[in-house]
Amino acid sequence: MGLQLQPQHADYKAIRSTAAEAEKLGADVIFNWDHFYPLYGEPEGKHFECWTMLGAWAESTSRAEIGALVTCNSYRNPELLADMARTVDHISGGRLILGIGSGWFEKDYDEYGYEFGTAGGRLDDLAEALPRIEARLAKLNPAPTRKIPVLIGGGGEKKTLRLVARHADIWHSFGDAEVLERKLGILRQHCSDVGRDPAEIEISVGVNGDPEETGPKLRELGASLLTVGVGGPDYDLSELRSWIAWRNEVSE
């Protein structure tokens, strides 16, 4: 069970305490996101940077895996990102998930001086970056504590899912069971095309609402990481509690 703890509209003290509470409740993974401004609510509201925060979480948590859902490939040189991931991996004792995507939030690009370009161009950049990240991780001294899991987010059927088939250990998507089922069929075809066993890729899905209504079908389709999102300023973990209770019940 995952939590996307959105670093918007809140002081860091509230973010830190919510991460600690989520871990105590039994969340398996605590994610943030990689943006520079809130995605909803007051557009100029409080917001904190992703990877600086992950370094802090690596020290302030002890059991849950941590990561970005997802890192924007456009914002950092691939070699630098690999080094950052390796460093947070060591600080956390091997609990980092390297979530990554091509980027989409135009305000971030405009305000911070990145070229927005086109969706296709950003996906092409991600395709070029992933082998560079893998190569740098293999060169770093000291090496990562483990094979850092790579999570790729997005549901684009021609480019994104092909990148998932080639590079990802985890695929994260949003959508109902019907959408997931269709896209899993496309992912399996991409895996066949590149000679990869699709069973090697963990399926992650963003969820909300009543777990009794949507959870069983998602599990039936093979989704094993279900992630609830929560935003500030008052982080309400009641939905996370419901999903964890359901997870524990079906796991007994």
C-alpha atoms as a PDB file:
ATOM      1  CA  MET A   1       0.000   0.000   0.000  1.00  0.00           C
ATOM      2  CA  GLY A   2       1.381   3.384  -0.993  1.00  0.00           C
ATOM      3  CA  LEU A   3       0.777   7.011  -0.096  1.00  0.00           C
ATOM      4  CA  GLN A   4       1.530   9.941  -2.385  1.00  0.00           C
ATOM      5  CA  LEU A   5       2.173  12.705   0.134  1.00  0.00           C
ATOM      6  CA  GLN A   6       1.808  15.783  -2.037  1.00  0.00           C
ATOM      7  CA  PRO A   7       4.206  18.524  -0.857  1.00  0.00           C
ATOM      8  CA  GLN A   8       1.800  21.403  -1.469  1.00  0.00           C
ATOM      9  CA  HIS A   9      -0.011  23.960   0.711  1.00  0.00           C
ATOM     10  CA  ALA A  10       1.706  22.796   3.907  1.00  0.00           C
ATOM     11  CA  ASP A  11       4.656  23.534   6.163  1.00  0.00           C
ATOM     12  CA  TYR A  12       7.401  20.933   6.142  1.00  0.00           C
ATOM     13  CA  LYS A  13       6.699  20.042   9.782  1.00  0.00           C
ATOM     14  CA  ALA A  14       3.247  18.795   8.724  1.00  0.00           C
ATOM     15  CA  ILE A  15       4.732  16.858   5.807  1.00  0.00           C
ATOM     16  CA  ARG A  16       7.313  15.174   8.025  1.00  0.00           C
ATOM     17  CA  SER A  17       4.782  14.196  10.689  1.00  0.00           C
ATOM     18  CA  THR A  18       2.389  12.833   8.053  1.00  0.00           C
ATOM     19  CA  ALA A  19       5.139  10.674   6.551  1.00  0.00           C
ATOM     20  CA  ALA A  20       5.897   9.316  10.019  1.00  0.00           C
ATOM     21  CA  GLU A  21       2.218   8.612  10.659  1.00  0.00           C
ATOM     22  CA  ALA A  22       1.807   6.855   7.294  1.00  0.00           C
ATOM     23  CA  GLU A  23       4.757   4.615   8.065  1.00  0.00           C
ATOM     24  CA  LYS A  24       3.331   3.824  11.496  1.00  0.00           C
ATOM     25  CA  LEU A  25      -0.044   2.967   9.946  1.00  0.00           C
ATOM     26  CA  GLY A  26       1.629   0.418   7.686  1.00  0.00           C
ATOM     27  CA  ALA A  27       2.171   2.129   4.347  1.00  0.00           C
ATOM     28  CA  ASP A  28       4.717   0.165   2.320  1.00  0.00           C
ATOM     29  CA  VAL A  29       5.790   3.114   0.159  1.00  0.00           C
ATOM     30  CA  ILE A  30       5.650   6.872   0.740  1.00  0.00           C
ATOM     31  CA  PHE A  31       5.903   8.957  -2.406  1.00  0.00           C
ATOM     32  CA  ASN A  32       6.027  12.691  -2.996  1.00  0.00           C
ATOM     33  CA  TRP A  33       5.931  14.328  -6.449  1.00  0.00           C
ATOM     34  CA  ASP A  34       8.347  16.369  -8.539  1.00  0.00           C
ATOM     35  CA  HIS A  35       6.830  19.789  -9.124  1.00  0.00           C
ATOM     36  CA  PHE A  36       7.688  23.356  -8.177  1.00  0.00           C
ATOM     37  CA  TYR A  37       4.153  24.673  -7.748  1.00  0.00           C
ATOM     38  CA  PRO A  38       0.895  23.190  -6.453  1.00  0.00           C
ATOM     39  CA  LEU A  39      -1.100  21.197  -8.971  1.00  0.00           C
ATOM     40  CA  TYR A  40      -4.409  22.270  -7.493  1.00  0.00           C
ATOM     41  CA  GLY A  41      -5.669  24.827  -5.018  1.00  0.00           C
ATOM     42  CA  GLU A  42      -3.900  28.184  -4.824  1.00  0.00           C
ATOM     43  CA  PRO A  43      -1.490  28.204  -7.820  1.00  0.00           C
ATOM     44  CA  GLU A  44       1.112  30.192  -5.886  1.00  0.00           C
ATOM     45  CA  GLY A  45       0.625  28.245  -2.654  1.00  0.00           C
ATOM     46  CA  LYS A  46       3.304  26.705  -0.474  1.00  0.00           C
ATOM     47  CA  HIS A  47       5.373  23.987  -2.160  1.00  0.00           C
ATOM     48  CA  PHE A  48       8.627  22.132  -1.538  1.00  0.00           C
ATOM     49  CA  GLU A  49      11.200  20.496  -3.827  1.00  0.00           C
ATOM     50  CA  CYS A  50      11.074  16.753  -4.372  1.00  0.00           C
ATOM     51  CA  TRP A  51      14.569  15.287  -4.070  1.00  0.00           C
ATOM     52  CA  THR A  52      15.753  17.453  -1.180  1.00  0.00           C
ATOM     53  CA  MET A  53      12.727  16.117   0.654  1.00  0.00           C
ATOM     54  CA  LEU A  54      13.529  12.503  -0.250  1.00  0.00           C
ATOM     55  CA  GLY A  55      16.953  12.927   1.331  1.00  0.00           C
ATOM     56  CA  ALA A  56      15.270  14.089   4.523  1.00  0.00           C
ATOM     57  CA  TRP A  57      12.748  11.241   4.428  1.00  0.00           C
ATOM     58  CA  ALA A  58      15.610   8.787   4.049  1.00  0.00           C
ATOM     59  CA  GLU A  59      16.694   9.828   7.556  1.00  0.00           C
ATOM     60  CA  SER A  60      13.294  10.433   9.163  1.00  0.00           C
ATOM     61  CA  THR A  61      11.668   7.136   8.108  1.00  0.00           C
ATOM     62  CA  SER A  62      12.988   3.659   8.768  1.00  0.00           C
ATOM     63  CA  ARG A  63      10.836   0.969   7.151  1.00  0.00           C
ATOM     64  CA  ALA A  64       8.765   2.242   4.227  1.00  0.00           C
ATOM     65  CA  GLU A  65      10.250   2.595   0.775  1.00  0.00           C
ATOM     66  CA  ILE A  66      10.376   6.171  -0.500  1.00  0.00           C
ATOM     67  CA  GLY A  67      10.379   7.804  -3.911  1.00  0.00           C
ATOM     68  CA  ALA A  68       8.900  10.352  -6.277  1.00  0.00           C
ATOM     69  CA  LEU A  69       5.657   9.677  -8.092  1.00  0.00           C
ATOM     70  CA  VAL A  70       7.260  10.717 -10.347  1.00  0.00           C
ATOM     71  CA  THR A  71      10.527  12.536 -11.010  1.00  0.00           C
ATOM     72  CA  CYS A  72      10.362  14.794 -14.073  1.00  0.00           C
ATOM     73  CA  ASN A  73      13.147  13.706 -16.416  1.00  0.00           C
ATOM     74  CA  SER A  74      13.465  17.238 -17.827  1.00  0.00           C
ATOM     75  CA  TYR A  75      14.616  18.855 -14.601  1.00  0.00           C
ATOM     76  CA  ARG A  76      17.960  17.101 -14.031  1.00  0.00           C
ATOM     77  CA  ASN A  77      20.846  15.742 -16.013  1.00  0.00           C
ATOM     78  CA  PRO A  78      20.447  11.923 -16.178  1.00  0.00           C
ATOM     79  CA  GLU A  79      23.881  11.243 -14.686  1.00  0.00           C
ATOM     80  CA  LEU A  80      23.192  13.633 -11.828  1.00  0.00           C
ATOM     81  CA  LEU A  81      19.816  12.017 -11.185  1.00  0.00           C
ATOM     82  CA  ALA A  82      21.459   8.591 -11.033  1.00  0.00           C
ATOM     83  CA  ASP A  83      23.960   9.896  -8.474  1.00  0.00           C
ATOM     84  CA  MET A  84      21.179  11.512  -6.431  1.00  0.00           C
ATOM     85  CA  ALA A  85      19.242   8.242  -6.471  1.00  0.00           C
ATOM     86  CA  ARG A  86      22.298   6.235  -5.409  1.00  0.00           C
ATOM     87  CA  THR A  87      22.958   8.677  -2.567  1.00  0.00           C
ATOM     88  CA  VAL A  88      19.382   8.575  -1.244  1.00  0.00           C
ATOM     89  CA  ASP A  89      19.477   4.793  -1.638  1.00  0.00           C
ATOM     90  CA  HIS A  90      22.458   4.659   0.734  1.00  0.00           C
ATOM     91  CA  ILE A  91      21.046   7.203   3.197  1.00  0.00           C
ATOM     92  CA  SER A  92      17.800   5.218   3.410  1.00  0.00           C
ATOM     93  CA  GLY A  93      19.463   1.834   3.738  1.00  0.00           C
ATOM     94  CA  GLY A  94      18.209   0.598   0.370  1.00  0.00           C
ATOM     95  CA  ARG A  95      14.627   1.904   0.421  1.00  0.00           C
ATOM     96  CA  LEU A  96      14.559   4.195  -2.618  1.00  0.00           C
ATOM     97  CA  ILE A  97      12.310   3.644  -5.638  1.00  0.00           C
ATOM     98  CA  LEU A  98      13.398   5.715  -8.644  1.00  0.00           C
ATOM     99  CA  GLY A  99      10.111   6.917 -10.070  1.00  0.00           C
ATOM    100  CA  ILE A 100      10.434   8.812 -13.339  1.00  0.00           C
ATOM    101  CA  GLY A 101       8.319  10.224 -16.139  1.00  0.00           C
ATOM    102  CA  SER A 102       8.651  12.599 -19.069  1.00  0.00           C
ATOM    103  CA  GLY A 103       7.061  15.666 -17.442  1.00  0.00           C
ATOM    104  CA  TRP A 104       3.900  17.581 -18.290  1.00  0.00           C
ATOM    105  CA  PHE A 105       3.255  20.594 -16.018  1.00  0.00           C
ATOM    106  CA  GLU A 106       4.010  23.595 -18.231  1.00  0.00           C
ATOM    107  CA  LYS A 107       4.157  26.141 -15.404  1.00  0.00           C
ATOM    108  CA  ASP A 108       7.124  24.324 -13.849  1.00  0.00           C
ATOM    109  CA  TYR A 109       9.000  24.547 -17.146  1.00  0.00           C
ATOM    110  CA  ASP A 110       8.202  28.179 -17.782  1.00  0.00           C
ATOM    111  CA  GLU A 111       8.986  29.435 -14.285  1.00  0.00           C
ATOM    112  CA  TYR A 112      12.238  27.478 -13.896  1.00  0.00           C
ATOM    113  CA  GLY A 113      13.578  28.029 -17.395  1.00  0.00           C
ATOM    114  CA  TYR A 114      13.222  24.566 -18.919  1.00  0.00           C
ATOM    115  CA  GLU A 115      12.165  24.089 -22.530  1.00  0.00           C
ATOM    116  CA  PHE A 116       8.653  22.647 -22.560  1.00  0.00           C
ATOM    117  CA  GLY A 117       8.686  21.426 -26.151  1.00  0.00           C
ATOM    118  CA  THR A 118       6.175  18.737 -27.076  1.00  0.00           C
ATOM    119  CA  ALA A 119       4.868  15.654 -25.325  1.00  0.00           C
ATOM    120  CA  GLY A 120       6.515  13.452 -27.951  1.00  0.00           C
ATOM    121  CA  GLY A 121       9.811  15.280 -27.619  1.00  0.00           C
ATOM    122  CA  ARG A 122       9.792  14.911 -23.826  1.00  0.00           C
ATOM    123  CA  LEU A 123       9.157  11.179 -24.184  1.00  0.00           C
ATOM    124  CA  ASP A 124      12.042  10.935 -26.642  1.00  0.00           C
ATOM    125  CA  ASP A 125      14.244  12.695 -24.075  1.00  0.00           C
ATOM    126  CA  LEU A 126      13.166  10.159 -21.446  1.00  0.00           C
ATOM    127  CA  ALA A 127      14.007   7.303 -23.818  1.00  0.00           C
ATOM    128  CA  GLU A 128      17.495   8.779 -24.255  1.00  0.00           C
ATOM    129  CA  ALA A 129      17.943   9.394 -20.518  1.00  0.00           C
ATOM    130  CA  LEU A 130      17.029   5.967 -19.165  1.00  0.00           C
ATOM    131  CA  PRO A 131      20.067   4.106 -20.591  1.00  0.00           C
ATOM    132  CA  ARG A 132      22.298   6.928 -19.340  1.00  0.00           C
ATOM    133  CA  ILE A 133      20.839   6.579 -15.843  1.00  0.00           C
ATOM    134  CA  GLU A 134      21.390   2.823 -15.937  1.00  0.00           C
ATOM    135  CA  ALA A 135      24.980   3.258 -17.170  1.00  0.00           C
ATOM    136  CA  ARG A 136      25.830   5.813 -14.476  1.00  0.00           C
ATOM    137  CA  LEU A 137      24.339   3.660 -11.714  1.00  0.00           C
ATOM    138  CA  ALA A 138      26.645   0.870 -12.862  1.00  0.00           C
ATOM    139  CA  LYS A 139      29.722   3.137 -12.624  1.00  0.00           C
ATOM    140  CA  LEU A 140      29.165   4.821  -9.258  1.00  0.00           C
ATOM    141  CA  ASN A 141      31.482   4.153  -6.333  1.00  0.00           C
ATOM    142  CA  PRO A 142      30.141   3.026  -3.983  1.00  0.00           C
ATOM    143  CA  ALA A 143      27.523   1.176  -5.965  1.00  0.00           C
ATOM    144  CA  PRO A 144      23.857   1.335  -4.935  1.00  0.00           C
ATOM    145  CA  THR A 145      22.952  -0.960  -2.055  1.00  0.00           C
ATOM    146  CA  ARG A 146      20.623  -2.891  -4.372  1.00  0.00           C
ATOM    147  CA  LYS A 147      19.305  -2.810  -7.901  1.00  0.00           C
ATOM    148  CA  ILE A 148      17.295   0.391  -7.434  1.00  0.00           C
ATOM    149  CA  PRO A 149      13.758  -0.291  -8.698  1.00  0.00           C
ATOM    150  CA  VAL A 150      12.790   1.970 -11.590  1.00  0.00           C
ATOM    151  CA  LEU A 151       9.153   3.029 -11.670  1.00  0.00           C
ATOM    152  CA  ILE A 152       7.873   4.618 -14.864  1.00  0.00           C
ATOM    153  CA  GLY A 153       4.618   6.529 -14.662  1.00  0.00           C
ATOM    154  CA  GLY A 154       2.193   7.133 -17.492  1.00  0.00           C
ATOM    155  CA  GLY A 155      -0.147   5.312 -19.810  1.00  0.00           C
ATOM    156  CA  GLY A 156       0.917   6.371 -23.296  1.00  0.00           C
ATOM    157  CA  GLU A 157       0.463   3.273 -25.409  1.00  0.00           C
ATOM    158  CA  LYS A 158       3.018   3.762 -28.186  1.00  0.00           C
ATOM    159  CA  LYS A 159       6.003   5.273 -26.359  1.00  0.00           C
ATOM    160  CA  THR A 160       5.562   5.174 -22.581  1.00  0.00           C
ATOM    161  CA  LEU A 161       4.523   1.535 -22.317  1.00  0.00           C
ATOM    162  CA  ARG A 162       7.354   0.541 -24.631  1.00  0.00           C
ATOM    163  CA  LEU A 163       9.779   2.290 -22.263  1.00  0.00           C
ATOM    164  CA  VAL A 164       8.145   0.418 -19.385  1.00  0.00           C
ATOM    165  CA  ALA A 165       8.736  -2.859 -21.206  1.00  0.00           C
ATOM    166  CA  ARG A 166      12.407  -2.022 -21.755  1.00  0.00           C
ATOM    167  CA  HIS A 167      13.391  -0.347 -18.505  1.00  0.00           C
ATOM    168  CA  ALA A 168      10.863  -0.475 -15.677  1.00  0.00           C
ATOM    169  CA  ASP A 169      10.628  -2.674 -12.625  1.00  0.00           C
ATOM    170  CA  ILE A 170       7.318  -1.007 -11.721  1.00  0.00           C
ATOM    171  CA  TRP A 171       4.667   0.577 -13.951  1.00  0.00           C
ATOM    172  CA  HIS A 172       2.378   3.168 -12.375  1.00  0.00           C
ATOM    173  CA  SER A 173      -0.903   4.230 -13.913  1.00  0.00           C
ATOM    174  CA  PHE A 174      -4.164   5.958 -13.096  1.00  0.00           C
ATOM    175  CA  GLY A 175      -7.541   4.731 -14.238  1.00  0.00           C
ATOM    176  CA  ASP A 176     -10.234   2.204 -13.496  1.00  0.00           C
ATOM    177  CA  ALA A 177      -9.993  -1.539 -13.904  1.00  0.00           C
ATOM    178  CA  GLU A 178     -11.272  -1.444 -17.486  1.00  0.00           C
ATOM    179  CA  VAL A 179      -8.558   1.000 -18.539  1.00  0.00           C
ATOM    180  CA  LEU A 180      -5.903  -0.961 -16.661  1.00  0.00           C
ATOM    181  CA  GLU A 181      -6.923  -4.230 -18.296  1.00  0.00           C
ATOM    182  CA  ARG A 182      -6.674  -2.753 -21.788  1.00  0.00           C
ATOM    183  CA  LYS A 183      -3.308  -1.126 -21.161  1.00  0.00           C
ATOM    184  CA  LEU A 184      -1.909  -4.293 -19.585  1.00  0.00           C
ATOM    185  CA  GLY A 185      -2.664  -6.070 -22.851  1.00  0.00           C
ATOM    186  CA  ILE A 186      -0.681  -3.428 -24.728  1.00  0.00           C
ATOM    187  CA  LEU A 187       2.165  -3.649 -22.213  1.00  0.00           C
ATOM    188  CA  ARG A 188       2.318  -7.414 -22.644  1.00  0.00           C
ATOM    189  CA  GLN A 189       2.668  -6.954 -26.409  1.00  0.00           C
ATOM    190  CA  HIS A 190       5.514  -4.467 -25.921  1.00  0.00           C
ATOM    191  CA  CYS A 191       7.198  -6.929 -23.575  1.00  0.00           C
ATOM    192  CA  SER A 192       6.871  -9.644 -26.204  1.00  0.00           C
ATOM    193  CA  ASP A 193       8.380  -7.327 -28.811  1.00  0.00           C
ATOM    194  CA  VAL A 194      11.464  -6.635 -26.679  1.00  0.00           C
ATOM    195  CA  GLY A 195      11.791 -10.171 -25.304  1.00  0.00           C
ATOM    196  CA  ARG A 196      10.847  -9.466 -21.700  1.00  0.00           C
ATOM    197  CA  ASP A 197       8.648 -11.420 -19.299  1.00  0.00           C
ATOM    198  CA  PRO A 198       5.832  -9.035 -18.233  1.00  0.00           C
ATOM    199  CA  ALA A 199       5.707 -10.817 -14.872  1.00  0.00           C
ATOM    200  CA  GLU A 200       8.964  -9.010 -14.037  1.00  0.00           C
ATOM    201  CA  ILE A 201       7.099  -5.669 -13.921  1.00  0.00           C
ATOM    202  CA  GLU A 202       5.144  -4.810 -10.778  1.00  0.00           C
ATOM    203  CA  ILE A 203       1.815  -3.094 -11.443  1.00  0.00           C
ATOM    204  CA  SER A 204       1.096   0.071  -9.458  1.00  0.00           C
ATOM    205  CA  VAL A 205      -2.173   2.021  -9.576  1.00  0.00           C
ATOM    206  CA  GLY A 206      -3.440   5.241  -8.043  1.00  0.00           C
ATOM    207  CA  VAL A 207      -6.645   4.597  -6.094  1.00  0.00           C
ATOM    208  CA  ASN A 208      -9.360   6.444  -4.205  1.00  0.00           C
ATOM    209  CA  GLY A 209     -12.795   5.798  -2.785  1.00  0.00           C
ATOM    210  CA  ASP A 210     -14.066   2.582  -1.223  1.00  0.00           C
ATOM    211  CA  PRO A 211     -11.486  -0.225  -1.451  1.00  0.00           C
ATOM    212  CA  GLU A 212     -14.238  -2.843  -1.346  1.00  0.00           C
ATOM    213  CA  GLU A 213     -15.591  -1.501  -4.640  1.00  0.00           C
ATOM    214  CA  THR A 214     -12.420  -1.151  -6.684  1.00  0.00           C
ATOM    215  CA  GLY A 215      -9.691  -3.050  -4.862  1.00  0.00           C
ATOM    216  CA  PRO A 216     -10.652  -6.664  -5.691  1.00  0.00           C
ATOM    217  CA  LYS A 217     -10.745  -6.154  -9.477  1.00  0.00           C
ATOM    218  CA  LEU A 218      -7.437  -4.258  -9.473  1.00  0.00           C
ATOM    219  CA  ARG A 219      -5.850  -7.070  -7.480  1.00  0.00           C
ATOM    220  CA  GLU A 220      -7.375  -9.623  -9.840  1.00  0.00           C
ATOM    221  CA  LEU A 221      -5.692  -7.849 -12.756  1.00  0.00           C
ATOM    222  CA  GLY A 222      -2.329  -8.085 -10.982  1.00  0.00           C
ATOM    223  CA  ALA A 223      -1.984  -4.642  -9.391  1.00  0.00           C
ATOM    224  CA  SER A 224       0.040  -5.153  -6.223  1.00  0.00           C
ATOM    225  CA  LEU A 225       0.910  -1.553  -5.277  1.00  0.00           C
ATOM    226  CA  LEU A 226      -2.163   0.605  -4.677  1.00  0.00           C
ATOM    227  CA  THR A 227      -1.470   4.238  -3.849  1.00  0.00           C
ATOM    228  CA  VAL A 228      -3.693   6.857  -2.241  1.00  0.00           C
ATOM    229  CA  GLY A 229      -2.942  10.562  -2.738  1.00  0.00           C
ATOM    230  CA  VAL A 230      -3.270  13.240  -0.062  1.00  0.00           C
ATOM    231  CA  GLY A 231      -2.655  16.995  -0.216  1.00  0.00           C
ATOM    232  CA  GLY A 232      -2.082  19.722   2.363  1.00  0.00           C
ATOM    233  CA  PRO A 233      -2.474  21.793   4.381  1.00  0.00           C
ATOM    234  CA  ASP A 234      -4.332  19.296   6.581  1.00  0.00           C
ATOM    235  CA  TYR A 235      -3.253  15.827   5.555  1.00  0.00           C
ATOM    236  CA  ASP A 236      -6.223  13.515   6.127  1.00  0.00           C
ATOM    237  CA  LEU A 237      -5.091   9.887   6.197  1.00  0.00           C
ATOM    238  CA  SER A 238      -8.543   8.364   6.681  1.00  0.00           C
ATOM    239  CA  GLU A 239      -8.602   7.008   3.125  1.00  0.00           C
ATOM    240  CA  LEU A 240      -5.148   5.480   3.596  1.00  0.00           C
ATOM    241  CA  ARG A 241      -6.391   3.847   6.805  1.00  0.00           C
ATOM    242  CA  SER A 242      -9.336   2.331   4.941  1.00  0.00           C
ATOM    243  CA  TRP A 243      -7.157   0.903   2.200  1.00  0.00           C
ATOM    244  CA  ILE A 244      -4.604  -0.477   4.664  1.00  0.00           C
ATOM    245  CA  ALA A 245      -7.394  -2.120   6.678  1.00  0.00           C
ATOM    246  CA  TRP A 246      -8.753  -3.680   3.484  1.00  0.00           C
ATOM    247  CA  ARG A 247      -5.273  -4.830   2.465  1.00  0.00           C
ATOM    248  CA  ASN A 248      -4.705  -6.438   5.828  1.00  0.00           C
ATOM    249  CA  GLU A 249      -8.087  -8.148   5.712  1.00  0.00           C
ATOM    250  CA  VAL A 250      -7.634  -9.676   2.260  1.00  0.00           C
ATOM    251  CA  SER A 251      -4.065 -10.703   3.102  1.00  0.00           C
ATOM    252  CA  GLU A 252      -5.085 -12.770   6.137  1.00  0.00           C
END
